[in-house]
Amino acid sequence: MHSRDLSDAEWAILAPFFPATPPRRGGQWRDHRTTLSGVFHRLRTGCPWRDLPGRYGPWQTVYERFADLRRSGRLADILSALQLRLNAAGRIDHSLYLVDGTSVQASRSAAGAGGKTHPR
């Protein structure tokens, strides 16, 4: 296990969100913990999917699992549950929330248009 992969304590929190058996027939599914660590590696580093380290398995598998989590809405459910857990533990500082509705109109020249013409 790599130092940035999911620890046992982290996986214990996330494991209930994943089925114990694969939902489809067919081949053996790659371990949820390994695949999720691959997703987090990709999100943390911003690397292309194809550049994922081999320890997470084929990049296509990691991408498909991530896409499936997003499509099904389970990723949003997981994030909401984690936020509720952190809020209940008092670990979210609500004073850091900021909604900024400022709108600044740029001048025409900022968009590449020519400026005012001066007579010669």
N, C-alpha and C. Protein backbone atom coordinates (compact mmCIF):
# COMPACT_ATOMS: atom_id res chain seq x y z
N MET A 1 0.84 -1.18 0.00
CA MET A 1 0.00 0.00 0.00
C MET A 1 0.88 1.24 0.00
N HIS A 2 0.54 2.18 -0.84
CA HIS A 2 1.27 3.44 -0.95
C HIS A 2 0.86 4.38 0.17
N SER A 3 1.72 5.32 0.52
CA SER A 3 1.45 6.20 1.66
C SER A 3 0.21 7.08 1.48
N ARG A 4 -0.15 7.39 0.25
CA ARG A 4 -1.30 8.25 0.00
C ARG A 4 -2.58 7.46 -0.29
N ASP A 5 -2.51 6.15 -0.32
CA ASP A 5 -3.70 5.33 -0.55
C ASP A 5 -4.58 5.34 0.69
N LEU A 6 -5.81 4.86 0.53
CA LEU A 6 -6.75 4.85 1.65
C LEU A 6 -6.23 4.00 2.80
N SER A 7 -6.22 4.58 3.99
CA SER A 7 -5.79 3.83 5.17
C SER A 7 -6.93 2.92 5.62
N ASP A 8 -6.65 2.05 6.58
CA ASP A 8 -7.67 1.14 7.10
C ASP A 8 -8.82 1.92 7.74
N ALA A 9 -8.50 2.99 8.46
CA ALA A 9 -9.53 3.80 9.11
C ALA A 9 -10.40 4.52 8.08
N GLU A 10 -9.77 5.05 7.03
CA GLU A 10 -10.52 5.74 5.98
C GLU A 10 -11.42 4.76 5.23
N TRP A 11 -10.87 3.58 4.93
CA TRP A 11 -11.65 2.60 4.21
C TRP A 11 -12.82 2.08 5.06
N ALA A 12 -12.65 2.01 6.37
CA ALA A 12 -13.73 1.56 7.25
C ALA A 12 -14.92 2.53 7.17
N ILE A 13 -14.66 3.80 6.93
CA ILE A 13 -15.72 4.78 6.80
C ILE A 13 -16.40 4.66 5.43
N LEU A 14 -15.63 4.39 4.39
CA LEU A 14 -16.17 4.36 3.03
C LEU A 14 -16.74 3.00 2.61
N ALA A 15 -16.30 1.93 3.22
CA ALA A 15 -16.69 0.58 2.80
C ALA A 15 -18.20 0.35 2.76
N PRO A 16 -18.99 0.87 3.71
CA PRO A 16 -20.44 0.63 3.64
C PRO A 16 -21.13 1.18 2.39
N PHE A 17 -20.49 2.09 1.68
CA PHE A 17 -21.08 2.66 0.47
C PHE A 17 -20.90 1.78 -0.76
N PHE A 18 -20.13 0.71 -0.63
CA PHE A 18 -19.83 -0.15 -1.77
C PHE A 18 -20.37 -1.55 -1.53
N PRO A 19 -20.94 -2.16 -2.58
CA PRO A 19 -21.51 -3.50 -2.42
C PRO A 19 -20.40 -4.54 -2.17
N ALA A 20 -20.75 -5.56 -1.39
CA ALA A 20 -19.78 -6.62 -1.10
C ALA A 20 -19.56 -7.50 -2.32
N THR A 21 -20.59 -7.64 -3.17
CA THR A 21 -20.47 -8.45 -4.38
C THR A 21 -20.69 -7.57 -5.59
N PRO A 22 -20.09 -7.92 -6.72
CA PRO A 22 -20.26 -7.11 -7.92
C PRO A 22 -21.71 -7.13 -8.40
N PRO A 23 -22.21 -5.98 -8.88
CA PRO A 23 -23.60 -5.90 -9.31
C PRO A 23 -23.87 -6.58 -10.65
N ARG A 24 -22.84 -6.87 -11.41
CA ARG A 24 -23.02 -7.46 -12.74
C ARG A 24 -22.43 -8.86 -12.79
N ARG A 25 -22.91 -9.62 -13.74
CA ARG A 25 -22.29 -10.91 -13.99
C ARG A 25 -21.01 -10.69 -14.78
N GLY A 26 -20.17 -11.67 -14.79
CA GLY A 26 -18.97 -11.56 -15.60
C GLY A 26 -17.73 -11.81 -14.76
N GLY A 27 -16.66 -11.17 -15.18
CA GLY A 27 -15.37 -11.38 -14.54
C GLY A 27 -15.30 -10.83 -13.13
N GLN A 28 -14.21 -11.09 -12.50
CA GLN A 28 -13.97 -10.65 -11.13
C GLN A 28 -13.75 -9.14 -11.11
N TRP A 29 -14.42 -8.48 -10.20
CA TRP A 29 -14.22 -7.04 -10.05
C TRP A 29 -12.95 -6.77 -9.29
N ARG A 30 -12.27 -5.68 -9.66
CA ARG A 30 -11.10 -5.23 -8.91
C ARG A 30 -11.58 -4.68 -7.57
N ASP A 31 -10.76 -4.81 -6.58
CA ASP A 31 -11.07 -4.37 -5.22
C ASP A 31 -11.52 -2.91 -5.20
N HIS A 32 -12.63 -2.62 -4.52
CA HIS A 32 -13.15 -1.25 -4.44
C HIS A 32 -12.13 -0.30 -3.82
N ARG A 33 -11.46 -0.75 -2.80
CA ARG A 33 -10.50 0.11 -2.09
C ARG A 33 -9.36 0.53 -3.02
N THR A 34 -8.83 -0.41 -3.77
CA THR A 34 -7.74 -0.11 -4.70
C THR A 34 -8.20 0.84 -5.79
N THR A 35 -9.36 0.57 -6.34
CA THR A 35 -9.89 1.42 -7.41
C THR A 35 -10.19 2.82 -6.91
N LEU A 36 -10.78 2.93 -5.73
CA LEU A 36 -11.09 4.24 -5.17
C LEU A 36 -9.81 5.01 -4.85
N SER A 37 -8.78 4.30 -4.41
CA SER A 37 -7.48 4.96 -4.20
C SER A 37 -6.94 5.51 -5.52
N GLY A 38 -7.17 4.77 -6.60
CA GLY A 38 -6.76 5.25 -7.93
C GLY A 38 -7.52 6.49 -8.34
N VAL A 39 -8.81 6.53 -8.06
CA VAL A 39 -9.62 7.71 -8.36
C VAL A 39 -9.09 8.90 -7.57
N PHE A 40 -8.84 8.70 -6.27
CA PHE A 40 -8.34 9.80 -5.44
C PHE A 40 -6.96 10.26 -5.90
N HIS A 41 -6.12 9.33 -6.35
CA HIS A 41 -4.80 9.70 -6.87
C HIS A 41 -4.96 10.61 -8.08
N ARG A 42 -5.86 10.23 -8.96
CA ARG A 42 -6.09 11.01 -10.18
C ARG A 42 -6.63 12.40 -9.84
N LEU A 43 -7.58 12.47 -8.91
CA LEU A 43 -8.15 13.76 -8.53
C LEU A 43 -7.14 14.63 -7.78
N ARG A 44 -6.30 14.00 -6.98
CA ARG A 44 -5.30 14.74 -6.19
C ARG A 44 -4.19 15.31 -7.08
N THR A 45 -3.72 14.51 -8.04
CA THR A 45 -2.57 14.92 -8.84
C THR A 45 -2.96 15.61 -10.14
N GLY A 46 -4.16 15.34 -10.64
CA GLY A 46 -4.57 15.93 -11.91
C GLY A 46 -3.95 15.25 -13.11
N CYS A 47 -3.36 14.08 -12.91
CA CYS A 47 -2.72 13.37 -14.01
C CYS A 47 -3.78 12.84 -14.98
N PRO A 48 -3.42 12.63 -16.23
CA PRO A 48 -4.36 12.01 -17.16
C PRO A 48 -4.69 10.58 -16.70
N TRP A 49 -5.89 10.10 -17.05
CA TRP A 49 -6.28 8.76 -16.64
C TRP A 49 -5.25 7.73 -17.10
N ARG A 50 -4.73 7.91 -18.28
CA ARG A 50 -3.77 6.93 -18.83
C ARG A 50 -2.46 6.87 -18.05
N ASP A 51 -2.18 7.89 -17.25
CA ASP A 51 -0.92 7.93 -16.50
C ASP A 51 -1.06 7.44 -15.07
N LEU A 52 -2.18 6.80 -14.73
CA LEU A 52 -2.33 6.26 -13.38
C LEU A 52 -1.28 5.18 -13.13
N PRO A 53 -0.69 5.14 -11.95
CA PRO A 53 0.27 4.07 -11.64
C PRO A 53 -0.40 2.69 -11.74
N GLY A 54 0.37 1.71 -12.13
CA GLY A 54 -0.14 0.36 -12.33
C GLY A 54 -0.69 -0.30 -11.09
N ARG A 55 -0.32 0.18 -9.90
CA ARG A 55 -0.80 -0.46 -8.67
C ARG A 55 -2.31 -0.34 -8.50
N TYR A 56 -2.95 0.58 -9.25
CA TYR A 56 -4.39 0.75 -9.17
C TYR A 56 -5.14 -0.10 -10.19
N GLY A 57 -4.42 -0.79 -11.03
CA GLY A 57 -5.03 -1.60 -12.06
C GLY A 57 -5.12 -0.83 -13.37
N PRO A 58 -5.81 -1.41 -14.35
CA PRO A 58 -5.95 -0.71 -15.64
C PRO A 58 -6.66 0.62 -15.48
N TRP A 59 -6.16 1.63 -16.16
CA TRP A 59 -6.75 2.96 -16.03
C TRP A 59 -8.21 2.97 -16.48
N GLN A 60 -8.55 2.12 -17.45
CA GLN A 60 -9.92 2.07 -17.94
C GLN A 60 -10.87 1.62 -16.82
N THR A 61 -10.42 0.66 -16.02
CA THR A 61 -11.23 0.16 -14.92
C THR A 61 -11.48 1.25 -13.90
N VAL A 62 -10.45 1.98 -13.55
CA VAL A 62 -10.57 3.06 -12.56
C VAL A 62 -11.49 4.15 -13.11
N TYR A 63 -11.32 4.50 -14.38
CA TYR A 63 -12.17 5.52 -14.98
C TYR A 63 -13.63 5.07 -15.02
N GLU A 64 -13.87 3.85 -15.45
CA GLU A 64 -15.25 3.35 -15.54
C GLU A 64 -15.93 3.32 -14.18
N ARG A 65 -15.20 2.93 -13.15
CA ARG A 65 -15.78 2.91 -11.80
C ARG A 65 -16.12 4.33 -11.35
N PHE A 66 -15.21 5.28 -11.63
CA PHE A 66 -15.46 6.68 -11.28
C PHE A 66 -16.67 7.21 -12.04
N ALA A 67 -16.73 6.94 -13.35
CA ALA A 67 -17.86 7.40 -14.16
C ALA A 67 -19.16 6.78 -13.68
N ASP A 68 -19.13 5.52 -13.29
CA ASP A 68 -20.32 4.84 -12.78
C ASP A 68 -20.78 5.47 -11.46
N LEU A 69 -19.84 5.81 -10.59
CA LEU A 69 -20.19 6.47 -9.33
C LEU A 69 -20.87 7.81 -9.58
N ARG A 70 -20.36 8.54 -10.55
CA ARG A 70 -20.95 9.85 -10.88
C ARG A 70 -22.32 9.71 -11.50
N ARG A 71 -22.43 8.82 -12.49
CA ARG A 71 -23.71 8.63 -13.20
C ARG A 71 -24.82 8.18 -12.26
N SER A 72 -24.49 7.27 -11.37
CA SER A 72 -25.52 6.71 -10.49
C SER A 72 -25.89 7.66 -9.35
N GLY A 73 -25.08 8.70 -9.12
CA GLY A 73 -25.35 9.63 -8.03
C GLY A 73 -24.77 9.17 -6.70
N ARG A 74 -24.11 8.02 -6.69
CA ARG A 74 -23.54 7.51 -5.44
C ARG A 74 -22.39 8.37 -4.95
N LEU A 75 -21.64 8.98 -5.87
CA LEU A 75 -20.53 9.84 -5.45
C LEU A 75 -21.06 11.04 -4.68
N ALA A 76 -22.14 11.64 -5.16
CA ALA A 76 -22.75 12.78 -4.44
C ALA A 76 -23.29 12.32 -3.09
N ASP A 77 -23.87 11.12 -3.03
CA ASP A 77 -24.38 10.59 -1.76
C ASP A 77 -23.24 10.38 -0.76
N ILE A 78 -22.12 9.85 -1.25
CA ILE A 78 -20.97 9.61 -0.38
C ILE A 78 -20.44 10.94 0.16
N LEU A 79 -20.29 11.92 -0.72
CA LEU A 79 -19.77 13.23 -0.29
C LEU A 79 -20.71 13.90 0.71
N SER A 80 -22.02 13.79 0.48
CA SER A 80 -23.00 14.38 1.41
C SER A 80 -22.92 13.70 2.78
N ALA A 81 -22.82 12.37 2.78
CA ALA A 81 -22.73 11.65 4.05
C ALA A 81 -21.45 12.01 4.80
N LEU A 82 -20.34 12.17 4.07
CA LEU A 82 -19.08 12.54 4.72
C LEU A 82 -19.16 13.97 5.28
N GLN A 83 -19.81 14.87 4.54
CA GLN A 83 -19.96 16.23 5.04
C GLN A 83 -20.83 16.27 6.29
N LEU A 84 -21.90 15.49 6.31
CA LEU A 84 -22.75 15.43 7.50
C LEU A 84 -21.98 14.88 8.69
N ARG A 85 -21.15 13.88 8.44
CA ARG A 85 -20.34 13.29 9.50
C ARG A 85 -19.35 14.31 10.06
N LEU A 86 -18.69 15.04 9.17
CA LEU A 86 -17.75 16.07 9.62
C LEU A 86 -18.46 17.20 10.36
N ASN A 87 -19.63 17.59 9.87
CA ASN A 87 -20.38 18.65 10.52
C ASN A 87 -20.82 18.23 11.92
N ALA A 88 -21.27 16.98 12.07
CA ALA A 88 -21.70 16.48 13.38
C ALA A 88 -20.52 16.44 14.36
N ALA A 89 -19.32 16.22 13.83
CA ALA A 89 -18.13 16.18 14.67
C ALA A 89 -17.57 17.58 14.92
N GLY A 90 -18.19 18.60 14.31
CA GLY A 90 -17.72 19.98 14.51
C GLY A 90 -16.44 20.29 13.76
N ARG A 91 -16.19 19.57 12.68
CA ARG A 91 -14.94 19.77 11.95
C ARG A 91 -15.09 20.64 10.71
N ILE A 92 -16.29 21.22 10.51
CA ILE A 92 -16.49 22.13 9.39
C ILE A 92 -16.66 23.54 9.96
N ASP A 93 -15.86 24.46 9.48
CA ASP A 93 -15.92 25.85 9.93
C ASP A 93 -16.84 26.61 8.99
N HIS A 94 -18.06 26.88 9.46
CA HIS A 94 -19.05 27.54 8.61
C HIS A 94 -18.72 29.01 8.35
N SER A 95 -17.80 29.57 9.08
CA SER A 95 -17.43 30.97 8.83
C SER A 95 -16.59 31.09 7.56
N LEU A 96 -16.14 29.97 7.03
CA LEU A 96 -15.32 30.02 5.81
C LEU A 96 -16.16 30.04 4.54
N TYR A 97 -17.48 29.83 4.66
CA TYR A 97 -18.33 29.86 3.48
C TYR A 97 -18.43 31.28 2.97
N LEU A 98 -18.40 31.42 1.66
CA LEU A 98 -18.45 32.75 1.07
C LEU A 98 -19.18 32.66 -0.27
N VAL A 99 -20.18 33.48 -0.41
CA VAL A 99 -20.88 33.57 -1.68
C VAL A 99 -20.60 34.97 -2.21
N ASP A 100 -19.98 35.02 -3.36
CA ASP A 100 -19.61 36.31 -3.93
C ASP A 100 -20.34 36.48 -5.25
N GLY A 101 -21.22 37.43 -5.31
CA GLY A 101 -21.98 37.68 -6.52
C GLY A 101 -21.46 38.87 -7.30
N THR A 102 -20.22 39.24 -7.08
CA THR A 102 -19.64 40.39 -7.75
C THR A 102 -19.56 40.13 -9.24
N SER A 103 -19.93 41.14 -10.00
CA SER A 103 -19.83 41.05 -11.46
C SER A 103 -19.12 42.31 -11.94
N VAL A 104 -18.07 42.12 -12.68
CA VAL A 104 -17.30 43.25 -13.19
C VAL A 104 -17.30 43.16 -14.71
N GLN A 105 -17.74 44.23 -15.34
CA GLN A 105 -17.77 44.24 -16.80
C GLN A 105 -16.42 44.75 -17.30
N ALA A 106 -15.84 43.99 -18.19
CA ALA A 106 -14.55 44.39 -18.74
C ALA A 106 -14.78 45.35 -19.90
N SER A 107 -13.78 46.15 -20.16
CA SER A 107 -13.88 47.08 -21.29
C SER A 107 -13.75 46.31 -22.60
N ARG A 108 -14.12 46.95 -23.69
CA ARG A 108 -14.03 46.29 -25.00
C ARG A 108 -12.60 45.94 -25.34
N SER A 109 -11.67 46.76 -24.93
CA SER A 109 -10.28 46.49 -25.28
C SER A 109 -9.73 45.27 -24.53
N ALA A 110 -10.35 44.94 -23.40
CA ALA A 110 -9.92 43.75 -22.66
C ALA A 110 -10.24 42.48 -23.44
N ALA A 111 -11.23 42.56 -24.30
CA ALA A 111 -11.62 41.40 -25.10
C ALA A 111 -10.89 41.38 -26.44
N GLY A 112 -9.98 42.31 -26.65
CA GLY A 112 -9.19 42.32 -27.87
C GLY A 112 -9.66 43.33 -28.90
N ALA A 113 -10.72 44.06 -28.60
CA ALA A 113 -11.21 45.08 -29.53
C ALA A 113 -10.26 46.28 -29.50
N GLY A 114 -10.25 46.98 -30.55
CA GLY A 114 -9.41 48.15 -30.62
C GLY A 114 -9.90 49.24 -29.68
N GLY A 115 -9.01 50.06 -29.22
CA GLY A 115 -9.40 51.15 -28.34
C GLY A 115 -9.97 52.33 -29.14
N LYS A 116 -10.11 53.46 -28.49
CA LYS A 116 -10.62 54.65 -29.19
C LYS A 116 -9.61 55.09 -30.23
N THR A 117 -10.13 55.52 -31.34
CA THR A 117 -9.21 56.02 -32.38
C THR A 117 -9.04 57.51 -32.21
N HIS A 118 -7.84 57.97 -32.36
CA HIS A 118 -7.56 59.40 -32.23
C HIS A 118 -7.26 59.96 -33.62
N PRO A 119 -7.83 61.12 -33.95
CA PRO A 119 -7.52 61.72 -35.25
C PRO A 119 -6.05 62.15 -35.29
N ARG A 120 -5.47 62.07 -36.45
CA ARG A 120 -4.07 62.45 -36.58
C ARG A 120 -3.89 63.91 -36.81
